[in-house]
């Protein structure tokens, strides 16, 4: 993401905490973190704050390869496919619906496809006519979710 000054948007993505539902030893017994937190809450000293979800950190584990980076077989005609989950998470984190997403190295069109699916506008730049055609096909075939009608 590139911007002048501070980002205008940050939509943090939540993920399960590493310790959610795990057991630990506390006061000689095996119990969950939530049980431990409730016991600690009434005592002097540290109070444990336990959550089921946290903001996604700065290291993201994204599966790659066939049927992981994309289920779109056309994407694999490009030698360096960009994982859809990575593009999706960045677009969600740094833009809102209706914003414009710029991809100066369009490649197979993954960022454009995900921008369209997430109801963002998109500008892509690609020097290779062969890869531009792949990107156009992928972006054109992406269908954003249907708008839900508001019932008043």
C-alpha atoms as a PDB file:
ATOM      1  CA  UNK A   1       0.000   0.000   0.000  1.00  0.00           C
ATOM      2  CA  UNK A   2       1.272   3.448  -0.885  1.00  0.00           C
ATOM      3  CA  UNK A   3      -0.152   6.677   0.484  1.00  0.00           C
ATOM      4  CA  UNK A   4       0.916  10.191   1.356  1.00  0.00           C
ATOM      5  CA  UNK A   5       0.899  10.638   5.132  1.00  0.00           C
ATOM      6  CA  UNK A   6      -1.010   8.254   7.376  1.00  0.00           C
ATOM      7  CA  UNK A   7      -3.326   5.684   5.830  1.00  0.00           C
ATOM      8  CA  UNK A   8      -6.927   6.902   5.707  1.00  0.00           C
ATOM      9  CA  UNK A   9      -8.275   3.391   6.224  1.00  0.00           C
ATOM     10  CA  UNK A  10      -7.328   0.428   8.366  1.00  0.00           C
ATOM     11  CA  UNK A  11      -9.722  -2.502   8.614  1.00  0.00           C
ATOM     12  CA  UNK A  12      -7.792  -4.914  10.805  1.00  0.00           C
ATOM     13  CA  UNK A  13      -8.367  -8.585  10.095  1.00  0.00           C
ATOM     14  CA  UNK A  14      -8.994 -10.763  13.149  1.00  0.00           C
ATOM     15  CA  UNK A  15      -7.689 -14.283  13.571  1.00  0.00           C
ATOM     16  CA  UNK A  16      -8.008 -16.815  16.404  1.00  0.00           C
ATOM     17  CA  UNK A  17      -5.579 -16.332  19.294  1.00  0.00           C
ATOM     18  CA  UNK A  18      -2.850 -18.969  19.480  1.00  0.00           C
ATOM     19  CA  UNK A  19      -3.946 -19.993  22.961  1.00  0.00           C
ATOM     20  CA  UNK A  20      -7.728 -20.017  22.407  1.00  0.00           C
ATOM     21  CA  UNK A  21      -9.096 -23.248  23.869  1.00  0.00           C
ATOM     22  CA  UNK A  22      -5.682 -24.555  24.961  1.00  0.00           C
ATOM     23  CA  UNK A  23      -5.098 -26.021  28.406  1.00  0.00           C
ATOM     24  CA  UNK A  24      -2.433 -24.890  30.856  1.00  0.00           C
ATOM     25  CA  UNK A  25      -1.217 -25.751  34.357  1.00  0.00           C
ATOM     26  CA  UNK A  26      -2.407 -23.263  36.976  1.00  0.00           C
ATOM     27  CA  UNK A  27      -2.680 -23.835  40.711  1.00  0.00           C
ATOM     28  CA  UNK A  28      -1.729 -27.469  40.194  1.00  0.00           C
ATOM     29  CA  UNK A  29      -4.636 -28.306  37.886  1.00  0.00           C
ATOM     30  CA  UNK A  30      -5.046 -28.438  34.147  1.00  0.00           C
ATOM     31  CA  UNK A  31      -7.576 -25.851  32.987  1.00  0.00           C
ATOM     32  CA  UNK A  32      -8.376 -23.601  30.061  1.00  0.00           C
ATOM     33  CA  UNK A  33      -7.141 -20.020  29.849  1.00  0.00           C
ATOM     34  CA  UNK A  34     -10.677 -18.732  30.397  1.00  0.00           C
ATOM     35  CA  UNK A  35     -10.949 -20.765  33.617  1.00  0.00           C
ATOM     36  CA  UNK A  36      -7.546 -19.433  34.704  1.00  0.00           C
ATOM     37  CA  UNK A  37      -8.579 -15.855  33.918  1.00  0.00           C
ATOM     38  CA  UNK A  38     -11.756 -16.130  35.982  1.00  0.00           C
ATOM     39  CA  UNK A  39      -9.751 -17.425  38.958  1.00  0.00           C
ATOM     40  CA  UNK A  40      -7.140 -14.683  38.607  1.00  0.00           C
ATOM     41  CA  UNK A  41      -9.772 -11.923  38.291  1.00  0.00           C
ATOM     42  CA  UNK A  42     -10.701 -11.981  41.973  1.00  0.00           C
ATOM     43  CA  UNK A  43      -7.112 -12.032  43.324  1.00  0.00           C
ATOM     44  CA  UNK A  44      -4.493  -9.361  43.898  1.00  0.00           C
ATOM     45  CA  UNK A  45      -1.771  -9.107  41.264  1.00  0.00           C
ATOM     46  CA  UNK A  46      -1.943  -9.626  37.537  1.00  0.00           C
ATOM     47  CA  UNK A  47      -5.288  -9.830  35.804  1.00  0.00           C
ATOM     48  CA  UNK A  48      -5.281 -12.025  32.730  1.00  0.00           C
ATOM     49  CA  UNK A  49      -7.173 -10.731  29.713  1.00  0.00           C
ATOM     50  CA  UNK A  50      -8.068 -13.623  27.466  1.00  0.00           C
ATOM     51  CA  UNK A  51      -9.529 -13.296  24.001  1.00  0.00           C
ATOM     52  CA  UNK A  52     -10.621 -15.717  21.316  1.00  0.00           C
ATOM     53  CA  UNK A  53      -9.485 -13.408  18.479  1.00  0.00           C
ATOM     54  CA  UNK A  54      -6.651 -10.939  17.883  1.00  0.00           C
ATOM     55  CA  UNK A  55      -5.606  -8.626  15.073  1.00  0.00           C
ATOM     56  CA  UNK A  56      -3.642 -10.438  12.401  1.00  0.00           C
ATOM     57  CA  UNK A  57       0.037  -9.685  13.000  1.00  0.00           C
ATOM     58  CA  UNK A  58       2.709  -8.623  10.539  1.00  0.00           C
ATOM     59  CA  UNK A  59       3.604 -12.208   9.529  1.00  0.00           C
ATOM     60  CA  UNK A  60       0.838 -13.862   7.523  1.00  0.00           C
ATOM     61  CA  UNK A  61       0.851 -17.573   6.693  1.00  0.00           C
ATOM     62  CA  UNK A  62      -0.743 -17.954   3.256  1.00  0.00           C
ATOM     63  CA  UNK A  63      -0.894 -21.345   1.532  1.00  0.00           C
ATOM     64  CA  UNK A  64       0.511 -21.339  -2.006  1.00  0.00           C
ATOM     65  CA  UNK A  65       0.555 -23.721  -4.952  1.00  0.00           C
ATOM     66  CA  UNK A  66      -2.100 -25.450  -7.028  1.00  0.00           C
ATOM     67  CA  UNK A  67      -5.587 -25.061  -5.495  1.00  0.00           C
ATOM     68  CA  UNK A  68      -4.129 -22.895  -2.720  1.00  0.00           C
ATOM     69  CA  UNK A  69      -2.968 -19.708  -4.459  1.00  0.00           C
ATOM     70  CA  UNK A  70      -6.037 -19.812  -6.712  1.00  0.00           C
ATOM     71  CA  UNK A  71      -8.615 -22.291  -7.929  1.00  0.00           C
ATOM     72  CA  UNK A  72      -8.637 -20.397 -11.211  1.00  0.00           C
ATOM     73  CA  UNK A  73      -6.612 -22.604 -13.617  1.00  0.00           C
ATOM     74  CA  UNK A  74      -6.121 -19.691 -16.014  1.00  0.00           C
ATOM     75  CA  UNK A  75      -3.968 -17.935 -13.392  1.00  0.00           C
ATOM     76  CA  UNK A  76      -1.333 -20.640 -13.636  1.00  0.00           C
ATOM     77  CA  UNK A  77      -0.512 -19.618 -17.199  1.00  0.00           C
ATOM     78  CA  UNK A  78       1.557 -16.878 -15.526  1.00  0.00           C
ATOM     79  CA  UNK A  79       4.929 -18.011 -14.053  1.00  0.00           C
ATOM     80  CA  UNK A  80       4.634 -15.998 -10.820  1.00  0.00           C
ATOM     81  CA  UNK A  81       1.059 -16.181  -9.567  1.00  0.00           C
ATOM     82  CA  UNK A  82       0.175 -13.985  -6.590  1.00  0.00           C
ATOM     83  CA  UNK A  83      -1.917 -15.751  -3.896  1.00  0.00           C
ATOM     84  CA  UNK A  84      -5.530 -14.554  -3.904  1.00  0.00           C
ATOM     85  CA  UNK A  85      -5.699 -14.669  -0.091  1.00  0.00           C
ATOM     86  CA  UNK A  86      -2.778 -12.238   0.173  1.00  0.00           C
ATOM     87  CA  UNK A  87      -4.347  -9.768  -2.272  1.00  0.00           C
ATOM     88  CA  UNK A  88      -7.757 -10.148  -0.596  1.00  0.00           C
ATOM     89  CA  UNK A  89      -6.435  -9.510   2.923  1.00  0.00           C
ATOM     90  CA  UNK A  90      -4.471  -6.418   1.875  1.00  0.00           C
ATOM     91  CA  UNK A  91      -7.413  -4.991  -0.061  1.00  0.00           C
ATOM     92  CA  UNK A  92      -9.713  -5.539   2.929  1.00  0.00           C
ATOM     93  CA  UNK A  93      -7.167  -4.050   5.352  1.00  0.00           C
ATOM     94  CA  UNK A  94      -6.315  -0.891   3.439  1.00  0.00           C
ATOM     95  CA  UNK A  95      -9.443   0.097   1.483  1.00  0.00           C
ATOM     96  CA  UNK A  96     -13.194   0.391   1.722  1.00  0.00           C
ATOM     97  CA  UNK A  97     -15.870  -0.571  -0.781  1.00  0.00           C
ATOM     98  CA  UNK A  98     -15.831   1.853  -3.704  1.00  0.00           C
ATOM     99  CA  UNK A  99     -12.157   2.825  -3.246  1.00  0.00           C
ATOM    100  CA  UNK A 100      -9.696   2.510  -6.148  1.00  0.00           C
ATOM    101  CA  UNK A 101      -6.990  -0.182  -6.003  1.00  0.00           C
ATOM    102  CA  UNK A 102      -3.889   0.270  -8.206  1.00  0.00           C
ATOM    103  CA  UNK A 103      -1.730  -2.648  -9.356  1.00  0.00           C
ATOM    104  CA  UNK A 104       1.235  -1.340 -11.396  1.00  0.00           C
ATOM    105  CA  UNK A 105       2.401  -4.914 -12.190  1.00  0.00           C
ATOM    106  CA  UNK A 106      -0.861  -6.619 -13.168  1.00  0.00           C
ATOM    107  CA  UNK A 107       0.571 -10.026 -14.093  1.00  0.00           C
ATOM    108  CA  UNK A 108      -2.229 -12.624 -14.080  1.00  0.00           C
ATOM    109  CA  UNK A 109      -4.736 -10.135 -12.623  1.00  0.00           C
ATOM    110  CA  UNK A 110      -5.091 -11.513  -9.097  1.00  0.00           C
ATOM    111  CA  UNK A 111      -5.314  -8.083  -7.441  1.00  0.00           C
ATOM    112  CA  UNK A 112      -7.874  -6.897 -10.003  1.00  0.00           C
ATOM    113  CA  UNK A 113      -9.963 -10.029  -9.556  1.00  0.00           C
ATOM    114  CA  UNK A 114      -9.994  -9.692  -5.763  1.00  0.00           C
ATOM    115  CA  UNK A 115     -10.709  -5.936  -5.968  1.00  0.00           C
ATOM    116  CA  UNK A 116     -13.756  -6.663  -8.150  1.00  0.00           C
ATOM    117  CA  UNK A 117     -14.962  -9.423  -5.794  1.00  0.00           C
ATOM    118  CA  UNK A 118     -14.606  -7.002  -2.850  1.00  0.00           C
ATOM    119  CA  UNK A 119     -16.532  -4.192  -4.599  1.00  0.00           C
ATOM    120  CA  UNK A 120     -13.516  -1.934  -5.204  1.00  0.00           C
ATOM    121  CA  UNK A 121     -12.658  -0.037  -8.375  1.00  0.00           C
ATOM    122  CA  UNK A 122      -9.419  -1.155 -10.028  1.00  0.00           C
ATOM    123  CA  UNK A 123      -6.608   0.170 -12.229  1.00  0.00           C
ATOM    124  CA  UNK A 124      -4.006  -2.288 -13.536  1.00  0.00           C
ATOM    125  CA  UNK A 125      -0.857  -1.756 -15.611  1.00  0.00           C
ATOM    126  CA  UNK A 126       0.831  -4.589 -17.542  1.00  0.00           C
ATOM    127  CA  UNK A 127       3.544  -4.421 -20.224  1.00  0.00           C
ATOM    128  CA  UNK A 128       3.111  -7.974 -21.574  1.00  0.00           C
ATOM    129  CA  UNK A 129       0.192  -8.403 -24.025  1.00  0.00           C
ATOM    130  CA  UNK A 130       0.076 -12.145 -23.248  1.00  0.00           C
ATOM    131  CA  UNK A 131      -0.325 -11.609 -19.489  1.00  0.00           C
ATOM    132  CA  UNK A 132      -2.688  -8.680 -20.037  1.00  0.00           C
ATOM    133  CA  UNK A 133      -5.058 -11.024 -21.880  1.00  0.00           C
ATOM    134  CA  UNK A 134      -4.939 -13.553 -18.996  1.00  0.00           C
ATOM    135  CA  UNK A 135      -5.625 -10.767 -16.488  1.00  0.00           C
ATOM    136  CA  UNK A 136      -8.552  -9.404 -18.519  1.00  0.00           C
ATOM    137  CA  UNK A 137     -10.167 -12.847 -18.721  1.00  0.00           C
ATOM    138  CA  UNK A 138      -9.753 -13.454 -14.974  1.00  0.00           C
ATOM    139  CA  UNK A 139     -11.062 -10.021 -13.973  1.00  0.00           C
ATOM    140  CA  UNK A 140     -13.993 -10.166 -16.401  1.00  0.00           C
ATOM    141  CA  UNK A 141     -15.035 -13.616 -15.152  1.00  0.00           C
ATOM    142  CA  UNK A 142     -14.979 -12.567 -11.467  1.00  0.00           C
ATOM    143  CA  UNK A 143     -18.506 -12.032 -10.199  1.00  0.00           C
ATOM    144  CA  UNK A 144     -18.903  -9.772  -7.152  1.00  0.00           C
ATOM    145  CA  UNK A 145     -21.450 -10.934  -4.589  1.00  0.00           C
ATOM    146  CA  UNK A 146     -24.986  -9.767  -5.371  1.00  0.00           C
ATOM    147  CA  UNK A 147     -26.099  -6.636  -3.569  1.00  0.00           C
ATOM    148  CA  UNK A 148     -28.561  -7.470  -0.822  1.00  0.00           C
ATOM    149  CA  UNK A 149     -31.743  -5.425  -0.860  1.00  0.00           C
ATOM    150  CA  UNK A 150     -32.456  -3.453   2.269  1.00  0.00           C
ATOM    151  CA  UNK A 151     -35.868  -4.117   3.723  1.00  0.00           C
ATOM    152  CA  UNK A 152     -37.338  -1.135   5.543  1.00  0.00           C
END
